[in-house]
């Protein structure tokens, strides 16, 4: 099972750029939680913290396609370094403003600018794999390898930011994320041999990837799938704090990501005979069923176990959805299609985070878990209603590896 990965990492230059990108995108799993921990420490409002975290994620979802187009036209190095400089500067400004109890509008402004200027690091490293490997089975192995690293990031990142923010000082989590972003991005940009060459701008008058058959149904479903994740994350932070152990938020969220990591490894090792639309709907059902017990949990240890189980549905659902998108969009619109899919996930997460945060403030963390349950039910309903359309969507790509989402 591990041999394909050993062969993959024997590719000249591959371990270096993959390791650099791993460090650079570690903040993906740190920024949102770091914002929550910092704001709660100073303001005490989970509603505000959730809204700011959602603003960061939504701004990144809207800004990433713009940055990606610039990367295609100008090259990774020319875009990555200015983007990292902007995002790092805005994040430091946000930390300073939040620490000084600045007006709330200034917090929203700086966090939105930080999110909108962030580079799509996951896309950059996957493009480098395509450059050094070319099309074929090894590229699919490379995408699977990076997907596993993504899950590792979502296990380690929450632990790291929580320990730093609660054991050192509340600003330490976000500031360490900035350091990792800068160091990893500088290392990645220095590796020129694997960088894909820029391509000239195209006059593309084709309809949007959203016009592909079944795309609207998939994206709409992924909005509510993202809502499950967002509802769980902010509720877990509130649960840990209300039980007098704020530092438990990181380990608890690591359990959630750990379940997803395990499920992703198993999912990728199975030769599936079930159609992608059916797998997507089944994954949404599993996600919903496994979070249904969270509102009734009173003990952190029981919550950890249930979160691990709840994470088992995440990776298979996301992989199925993204693979379905890649299959139905035109070959020249794969990046756009995946961007719409990941934007849908981010929008759902962004909408449910402030709602769950408000419930944490007003009713309690256990009641806030109902946001995730309701979003899961909505995903199942939308998926069931759109299943026929997704099944009928023709395959536009004869053979293609399943790409992972852009950051």
Protein backbone atom coordinates (compact mmCIF):
# COMPACT_ATOMS: atom_id res chain seq x y z
CA UNK A 1 0.00 0.00 0.00
CA UNK A 2 2.88 2.39 0.80
CA UNK A 3 5.06 1.47 -2.19
CA UNK A 4 3.42 3.94 -4.63
CA UNK A 5 4.10 6.75 -2.16
CA UNK A 6 7.75 5.72 -1.74
CA UNK A 7 8.15 5.69 -5.52
CA UNK A 8 6.44 9.07 -5.72
CA UNK A 9 8.79 10.70 -3.24
CA UNK A 10 11.79 9.42 -5.21
CA UNK A 11 10.93 11.95 -7.92
CA UNK A 12 13.76 14.51 -8.04
CA UNK A 13 12.79 17.70 -6.23
CA UNK A 14 9.40 16.40 -5.12
CA UNK A 15 10.10 15.97 -1.38
CA UNK A 16 11.43 19.54 -1.22
CA UNK A 17 8.48 21.33 -2.80
CA UNK A 18 5.92 19.11 -1.08
CA UNK A 19 7.52 19.76 2.34
CA UNK A 20 7.71 23.50 1.69
CA UNK A 21 4.05 23.60 0.69
CA UNK A 22 3.12 21.56 3.76
CA UNK A 23 4.67 24.18 6.04
CA UNK A 24 3.18 27.06 4.04
CA UNK A 25 -0.37 25.74 4.21
CA UNK A 26 -0.29 24.70 7.86
CA UNK A 27 -1.97 28.06 8.69
CA UNK A 28 -5.07 26.93 6.79
CA UNK A 29 -6.02 24.93 9.88
CA UNK A 30 -4.78 27.58 12.31
CA UNK A 31 -6.14 30.94 11.20
CA UNK A 32 -9.85 30.45 11.83
CA UNK A 33 -9.35 28.89 15.26
CA UNK A 34 -6.65 31.44 16.07
CA UNK A 35 -9.08 34.27 15.34
CA UNK A 36 -11.71 32.68 17.60
CA UNK A 37 -9.29 32.15 20.50
CA UNK A 38 -7.89 35.69 20.28
CA UNK A 39 -11.27 37.43 20.01
CA UNK A 40 -12.87 35.39 22.79
CA UNK A 41 -9.90 36.14 25.06
CA UNK A 42 -10.40 39.89 24.60
CA UNK A 43 -14.10 40.34 23.84
CA UNK A 44 -15.68 37.21 25.31
CA UNK A 45 -18.19 36.91 22.45
CA UNK A 46 -18.38 33.70 20.48
CA UNK A 47 -20.84 35.37 18.13
CA UNK A 48 -18.27 37.99 17.15
CA UNK A 49 -15.49 35.41 16.98
CA UNK A 50 -17.55 33.17 14.69
CA UNK A 51 -18.48 36.09 12.45
CA UNK A 52 -14.84 37.15 12.08
CA UNK A 53 -13.72 33.58 11.37
CA UNK A 54 -16.48 33.29 8.78
CA UNK A 55 -15.44 36.58 7.18
CA UNK A 56 -11.87 35.31 6.87
CA UNK A 57 -13.01 32.08 5.20
CA UNK A 58 -15.52 33.76 2.89
CA UNK A 59 -13.05 36.42 1.78
CA UNK A 60 -10.52 33.69 1.00
CA UNK A 61 -13.11 31.78 -1.04
CA UNK A 62 -13.85 34.88 -3.09
CA UNK A 63 -10.24 35.99 -3.48
CA UNK A 64 -8.62 32.64 -4.32
CA UNK A 65 -9.97 32.42 -7.90
CA UNK A 66 -8.57 35.89 -8.65
CA UNK A 67 -5.15 35.00 -7.25
CA UNK A 68 -5.23 31.68 -9.12
CA UNK A 69 -5.82 33.40 -12.46
CA UNK A 70 -2.88 35.70 -11.78
CA UNK A 71 -0.69 32.68 -11.00
CA UNK A 72 -1.63 31.05 -14.32
CA UNK A 73 -0.73 34.22 -16.23
CA UNK A 74 2.35 35.45 -14.34
CA UNK A 75 3.82 32.38 -12.64
CA UNK A 76 3.86 31.17 -9.04
CA UNK A 77 6.85 33.12 -7.73
CA UNK A 78 5.71 36.51 -9.07
CA UNK A 79 2.31 36.17 -7.40
CA UNK A 80 3.07 34.10 -4.30
CA UNK A 81 5.55 36.48 -2.67
CA UNK A 82 3.41 39.64 -2.92
CA UNK A 83 0.30 37.72 -1.85
CA UNK A 84 2.05 36.32 1.23
CA UNK A 85 3.43 39.76 2.10
CA UNK A 86 -0.07 41.24 1.94
CA UNK A 87 -1.77 38.47 3.89
CA UNK A 88 0.93 38.40 6.56
CA UNK A 89 0.74 42.17 7.01
CA UNK A 90 -3.04 42.18 7.33
CA UNK A 91 -2.94 39.33 9.85
CA UNK A 92 -0.41 41.16 12.02
CA UNK A 93 -2.62 44.28 11.84
CA UNK A 94 -5.61 42.21 12.92
CA UNK A 95 -3.72 40.80 15.90
CA UNK A 96 -2.72 44.30 16.97
CA UNK A 97 -6.23 45.72 16.59
CA UNK A 98 -7.89 42.82 18.40
CA UNK A 99 -5.38 43.09 21.24
CA UNK A 100 -6.08 46.82 21.59
CA UNK A 101 -9.86 46.30 21.62
CA UNK A 102 -10.19 48.37 18.44
CA UNK A 103 -13.62 49.07 16.87
CA UNK A 104 -15.27 46.00 15.46
CA UNK A 105 -15.44 47.42 11.92
CA UNK A 106 -11.64 47.55 11.86
CA UNK A 107 -11.45 43.87 12.83
CA UNK A 108 -13.79 42.87 10.03
CA UNK A 109 -11.90 45.03 7.52
CA UNK A 110 -8.46 43.62 8.31
CA UNK A 111 -9.60 40.00 8.53
CA UNK A 112 -11.41 40.33 5.18
CA UNK A 113 -8.30 41.79 3.53
CA UNK A 114 -6.19 38.99 5.02
CA UNK A 115 -8.54 36.33 3.66
CA UNK A 116 -8.91 37.90 0.23
CA UNK A 117 -5.18 38.22 -0.37
CA UNK A 118 -4.26 34.65 0.61
CA UNK A 119 -2.57 32.47 -2.04
CA UNK A 120 -4.15 29.10 -3.01
CA UNK A 121 -1.21 27.04 -1.77
CA UNK A 122 -2.90 23.68 -2.25
CA UNK A 123 -3.41 24.45 -5.93
CA UNK A 124 0.20 25.59 -6.31
CA UNK A 125 1.71 22.37 -4.99
CA UNK A 126 -0.65 20.21 -7.03
CA UNK A 127 0.28 22.16 -10.15
CA UNK A 128 3.94 21.42 -9.41
CA UNK A 129 3.19 17.70 -9.19
CA UNK A 130 1.55 17.95 -12.61
CA UNK A 131 4.61 19.74 -13.96
CA UNK A 132 7.13 17.12 -12.78
CA UNK A 133 5.01 14.00 -13.36
CA UNK A 134 2.73 14.77 -16.28
CA UNK A 135 -0.61 12.97 -16.67
CA UNK A 136 -1.02 9.39 -15.55
CA UNK A 137 -1.46 7.13 -12.52
CA UNK A 138 1.46 8.65 -10.61
CA UNK A 139 -0.26 12.04 -10.66
CA UNK A 140 -3.32 10.48 -9.05
CA UNK A 141 -1.04 9.05 -6.35
CA UNK A 142 0.43 12.52 -5.85
CA UNK A 143 -3.03 14.05 -5.39
CA UNK A 144 -3.88 11.34 -2.87
CA UNK A 145 -0.64 12.01 -1.01
CA UNK A 146 -1.39 15.74 -0.76
CA UNK A 147 -4.93 14.97 0.41
CA UNK A 148 -3.50 12.92 3.27
CA UNK A 149 -1.16 15.80 4.13
CA UNK A 150 -4.18 18.10 4.21
CA UNK A 151 -5.78 15.92 6.86
CA UNK A 152 -2.53 15.84 8.84
CA UNK A 153 -2.57 19.63 8.74
CA UNK A 154 -6.08 19.66 10.17
CA UNK A 155 -4.95 17.36 12.98
CA UNK A 156 -1.75 19.22 13.87
CA UNK A 157 -2.87 22.80 13.13
CA UNK A 158 -5.68 23.07 15.72
CA UNK A 159 -3.47 21.45 18.36
CA UNK A 160 -0.61 23.83 17.66
CA UNK A 161 -2.65 27.04 17.61
CA UNK A 162 -4.56 26.07 20.77
CA UNK A 163 -1.45 25.21 22.77
CA UNK A 164 0.30 28.42 21.73
CA UNK A 165 -2.72 30.66 22.37
CA UNK A 166 -3.63 29.13 25.73
CA UNK A 167 -0.19 28.26 27.19
CA UNK A 168 1.87 31.23 25.98
CA UNK A 169 -0.29 34.26 25.12
CA UNK A 170 -3.48 34.66 23.09
CA UNK A 171 -1.72 36.30 20.11
CA UNK A 172 0.82 33.47 19.78
CA UNK A 173 -1.42 31.21 17.71
CA UNK A 174 -2.03 33.68 14.88
CA UNK A 175 1.52 35.06 14.90
CA UNK A 176 2.99 31.56 14.62
CA UNK A 177 0.68 30.93 11.64
CA UNK A 178 2.11 34.02 9.94
CA UNK A 179 5.66 32.76 10.52
CA UNK A 180 4.84 29.35 9.03
CA UNK A 181 3.14 30.98 6.03
CA UNK A 182 6.14 33.20 5.29
CA UNK A 183 8.82 30.54 5.84
CA UNK A 184 7.05 27.86 3.80
CA UNK A 185 6.17 30.24 0.96
CA UNK A 186 9.72 31.57 0.71
CA UNK A 187 11.04 28.00 0.54
CA UNK A 188 8.48 27.04 -2.10
CA UNK A 189 9.14 30.08 -4.28
CA UNK A 190 12.90 29.37 -4.19
CA UNK A 191 12.35 25.98 -5.86
CA UNK A 192 12.18 27.12 -9.47
CA UNK A 193 12.78 23.80 -11.28
CA UNK A 194 9.34 22.41 -10.47
CA UNK A 195 7.43 25.67 -11.02
CA UNK A 196 4.99 25.42 -13.95
CA UNK A 197 5.61 28.03 -16.66
CA UNK A 198 3.06 30.85 -16.93
CA UNK A 199 0.50 30.67 -19.72
CA UNK A 200 -0.83 33.63 -21.71
CA UNK A 201 -4.27 35.07 -20.96
CA UNK A 202 -7.09 33.41 -22.88
CA UNK A 203 -10.19 34.94 -24.35
CA UNK A 204 -12.50 32.31 -22.93
CA UNK A 205 -16.13 32.90 -23.89
CA UNK A 206 -17.33 29.48 -22.80
CA UNK A 207 -20.17 29.37 -20.28
CA UNK A 208 -19.35 29.05 -16.61
CA UNK A 209 -18.54 25.64 -15.20
CA UNK A 210 -21.73 26.01 -13.17
CA UNK A 211 -23.64 25.45 -16.42
CA UNK A 212 -22.38 21.86 -16.62
CA UNK A 213 -25.16 19.32 -15.99
CA UNK A 214 -25.45 18.46 -12.31
CA UNK A 215 -23.01 21.15 -11.14
CA UNK A 216 -25.57 23.33 -9.39
CA UNK A 217 -26.88 20.34 -7.45
CA UNK A 218 -23.38 19.31 -6.37
CA UNK A 219 -22.36 22.82 -5.29
CA UNK A 220 -25.64 23.39 -3.44
CA UNK A 221 -25.14 20.14 -1.57
CA UNK A 222 -21.55 21.03 -0.70
CA UNK A 223 -22.72 24.33 0.82
CA UNK A 224 -24.62 22.39 3.48
CA UNK A 225 -21.78 19.86 3.87
CA UNK A 226 -19.54 22.82 4.69
CA UNK A 227 -22.23 23.96 7.11
CA UNK A 228 -21.85 20.74 9.09
CA UNK A 229 -18.11 21.31 9.48
CA UNK A 230 -18.52 24.98 10.45
CA UNK A 231 -21.24 24.20 12.97
CA UNK A 232 -19.16 21.51 14.65
CA UNK A 233 -15.96 23.56 14.84
CA UNK A 234 -17.28 26.64 16.62
CA UNK A 235 -19.46 24.52 18.91
CA UNK A 236 -16.45 22.44 19.96
CA UNK A 237 -14.50 25.57 20.90
CA UNK A 238 -17.44 26.78 22.99
CA UNK A 239 -17.89 23.35 24.59
CA UNK A 240 -14.24 23.22 25.69
CA UNK A 241 -14.36 26.74 27.11
CA UNK A 242 -17.64 26.22 28.96
CA UNK A 243 -16.22 23.10 30.59
CA UNK A 244 -13.28 25.10 31.91
CA UNK A 245 -10.69 23.59 29.59
CA UNK A 246 -10.22 25.94 26.62
CA UNK A 247 -7.02 24.12 25.65
CA UNK A 248 -9.11 21.01 24.86
CA UNK A 249 -10.51 22.66 21.72
CA UNK A 250 -7.45 21.73 19.66
CA UNK A 251 -7.34 18.05 20.68
CA UNK A 252 -11.09 17.71 20.22
CA UNK A 253 -10.95 19.17 16.71
CA UNK A 254 -7.95 16.93 16.01
CA UNK A 255 -10.19 13.94 16.79
CA UNK A 256 -12.67 15.23 14.21
CA UNK A 257 -9.91 15.59 11.59
CA UNK A 258 -8.41 12.24 12.60
CA UNK A 259 -11.62 10.42 11.75
CA UNK A 260 -11.63 12.12 8.36
CA UNK A 261 -7.98 11.19 7.75
CA UNK A 262 -8.62 7.51 8.47
CA UNK A 263 -11.72 7.45 6.29
CA UNK A 264 -9.85 9.18 3.45
CA UNK A 265 -7.09 6.57 3.50
CA UNK A 266 -9.61 3.72 3.40
CA UNK A 267 -11.73 5.42 0.74
CA UNK A 268 -8.73 5.85 -1.53
CA UNK A 269 -7.71 2.19 -1.16
CA UNK A 270 -11.10 0.78 -2.18
CA UNK A 271 -12.03 0.08 -5.80
CA UNK A 272 -15.56 1.47 -5.78
CA UNK A 273 -18.37 0.08 -7.91
CA UNK A 274 -20.94 2.52 -6.53
CA UNK A 275 -21.55 5.57 -8.72
CA UNK A 276 -20.13 8.92 -7.56
CA UNK A 277 -23.53 10.61 -7.04
CA UNK A 278 -24.63 7.76 -4.78
CA UNK A 279 -21.37 7.91 -2.85
CA UNK A 280 -21.81 11.65 -2.39
CA UNK A 281 -25.32 11.23 -0.99
CA UNK A 282 -24.26 8.31 1.21
CA UNK A 283 -21.42 10.40 2.60
CA UNK A 284 -23.82 13.21 3.50
CA UNK A 285 -26.06 10.70 5.28
CA UNK A 286 -23.09 9.37 7.28
CA UNK A 287 -22.00 12.91 8.20
CA UNK A 288 -25.50 13.73 9.44
CA UNK A 289 -26.07 10.52 11.39
CA UNK A 290 -22.69 10.71 13.10
CA UNK A 291 -23.20 14.29 14.39
CA UNK A 292 -26.78 13.72 15.51
CA UNK A 293 -25.69 12.69 19.02
CA UNK A 294 -23.44 15.71 19.64
CA UNK A 295 -26.16 17.95 21.18
CA UNK A 296 -26.66 15.36 23.93
CA UNK A 297 -23.00 15.01 25.00
CA UNK A 298 -22.00 16.32 28.42
CA UNK A 299 -18.50 14.88 28.89
CA UNK A 300 -15.35 15.95 26.92
CA UNK A 301 -14.12 12.35 26.66
CA UNK A 302 -17.40 11.21 25.13
CA UNK A 303 -17.32 14.19 22.79
CA UNK A 304 -13.81 13.24 21.61
CA UNK A 305 -15.00 9.74 20.69
CA UNK A 306 -18.10 11.00 18.92
CA UNK A 307 -16.12 13.62 17.02
CA UNK A 308 -13.77 10.94 15.71
CA UNK A 309 -16.77 8.96 14.52
CA UNK A 310 -18.32 12.14 13.11
CA UNK A 311 -15.17 12.82 11.10
CA UNK A 312 -15.46 9.49 9.26
CA UNK A 313 -17.96 10.98 6.84
CA UNK A 314 -16.01 14.10 5.89
CA UNK A 315 -13.26 12.94 3.52
CA UNK A 316 -15.38 10.44 1.55
CA UNK A 317 -18.07 13.07 1.02
CA UNK A 318 -15.67 15.77 -0.11
CA UNK A 319 -13.66 13.42 -2.33
CA UNK A 320 -16.86 12.15 -3.98
CA UNK A 321 -18.14 15.67 -4.57
CA UNK A 322 -14.88 16.96 -6.03
CA UNK A 323 -14.41 13.86 -8.18
CA UNK A 324 -17.94 14.29 -9.53
CA UNK A 325 -17.22 17.91 -10.38
CA UNK A 326 -14.06 16.96 -12.24
CA UNK A 327 -15.99 14.36 -14.22
CA UNK A 328 -18.85 16.56 -15.41
CA UNK A 329 -17.11 19.85 -16.28
CA UNK A 330 -15.34 20.46 -19.58
CA UNK A 331 -11.59 19.67 -19.64
CA UNK A 332 -10.66 23.35 -19.80
CA UNK A 333 -12.84 24.22 -16.80
CA UNK A 334 -11.63 21.77 -14.16
CA UNK A 335 -9.94 24.42 -12.03
CA UNK A 336 -12.99 26.66 -12.21
CA UNK A 337 -15.28 23.77 -11.36
CA UNK A 338 -13.22 22.75 -8.33
CA UNK A 339 -13.09 26.38 -7.24
CA UNK A 340 -16.89 26.57 -7.31
CA UNK A 341 -17.07 23.36 -5.28
CA UNK A 342 -14.61 24.53 -2.62
CA UNK A 343 -16.28 27.94 -2.56
CA UNK A 344 -19.58 26.21 -1.81
CA UNK A 345 -17.99 24.37 1.11
CA UNK A 346 -16.47 27.59 2.42
CA UNK A 347 -19.71 29.53 2.08
CA UNK A 348 -21.54 26.89 4.11
CA UNK A 349 -18.86 26.95 6.77
CA UNK A 350 -18.94 30.76 6.81
CA UNK A 351 -22.70 30.91 7.26
CA UNK A 352 -22.97 28.39 10.07
CA UNK A 353 -19.97 29.55 12.13
CA UNK A 354 -21.54 32.84 13.30
CA UNK A 355 -24.92 31.16 13.82
CA UNK A 356 -23.39 28.46 15.99
CA UNK A 357 -21.35 31.10 17.81
CA UNK A 358 -24.48 33.07 18.64
CA UNK A 359 -26.12 29.93 20.02
CA UNK A 360 -23.04 29.25 22.15
CA UNK A 361 -23.41 32.75 23.63
CA UNK A 362 -27.19 32.61 24.13
CA UNK A 363 -27.97 28.97 24.92
CA UNK A 364 -24.78 26.95 25.25
CA UNK A 365 -22.41 24.81 23.21
CA UNK A 366 -24.54 21.66 23.29
CA UNK A 367 -27.46 23.52 21.73
CA UNK A 368 -25.11 25.01 19.12
CA UNK A 369 -24.37 21.52 17.76
CA UNK A 370 -27.92 21.49 16.37
CA UNK A 371 -26.69 23.84 13.64
CA UNK A 372 -24.46 21.07 12.28
CA UNK A 373 -27.28 18.53 12.48
CA UNK A 374 -29.72 20.82 10.65
CA UNK A 375 -27.15 21.56 7.95
CA UNK A 376 -26.52 17.85 7.48
CA UNK A 377 -30.22 17.18 7.06
CA UNK A 378 -30.38 19.95 4.47
CA UNK A 379 -27.44 18.39 2.59
CA UNK A 380 -29.21 15.03 2.48
CA UNK A 381 -32.46 16.61 1.24
CA UNK A 382 -30.72 18.67 -1.45
CA UNK A 383 -28.68 15.63 -2.50
CA UNK A 384 -31.76 13.42 -2.74
CA UNK A 385 -33.62 16.02 -4.82
CA UNK A 386 -30.66 16.45 -7.17
CA UNK A 387 -29.62 12.81 -7.36
CA UNK A 388 -31.35 12.13 -10.67
CA UNK A 389 -29.72 15.17 -12.28
CA UNK A 390 -26.29 14.20 -10.94
CA UNK A 391 -26.69 10.63 -12.18
CA UNK A 392 -27.73 11.84 -15.62
CA UNK A 393 -24.77 14.21 -15.99
CA UNK A 394 -22.51 12.97 -18.80
CA UNK A 395 -18.84 12.38 -18.16
CA UNK A 396 -16.82 15.09 -19.91
CA UNK A 397 -13.46 13.56 -19.04
CA UNK A 398 -12.63 10.06 -20.23
CA UNK A 399 -9.77 9.49 -17.80
CA UNK A 400 -8.61 11.91 -15.15
CA UNK A 401 -7.24 11.66 -11.65
CA UNK A 402 -9.39 12.90 -8.83
CA UNK A 403 -8.07 16.30 -7.87
CA UNK A 404 -8.14 17.64 -4.34
CA UNK A 405 -9.70 20.97 -3.46
CA UNK A 406 -7.89 24.24 -3.88
CA UNK A 407 -7.07 26.05 -0.68
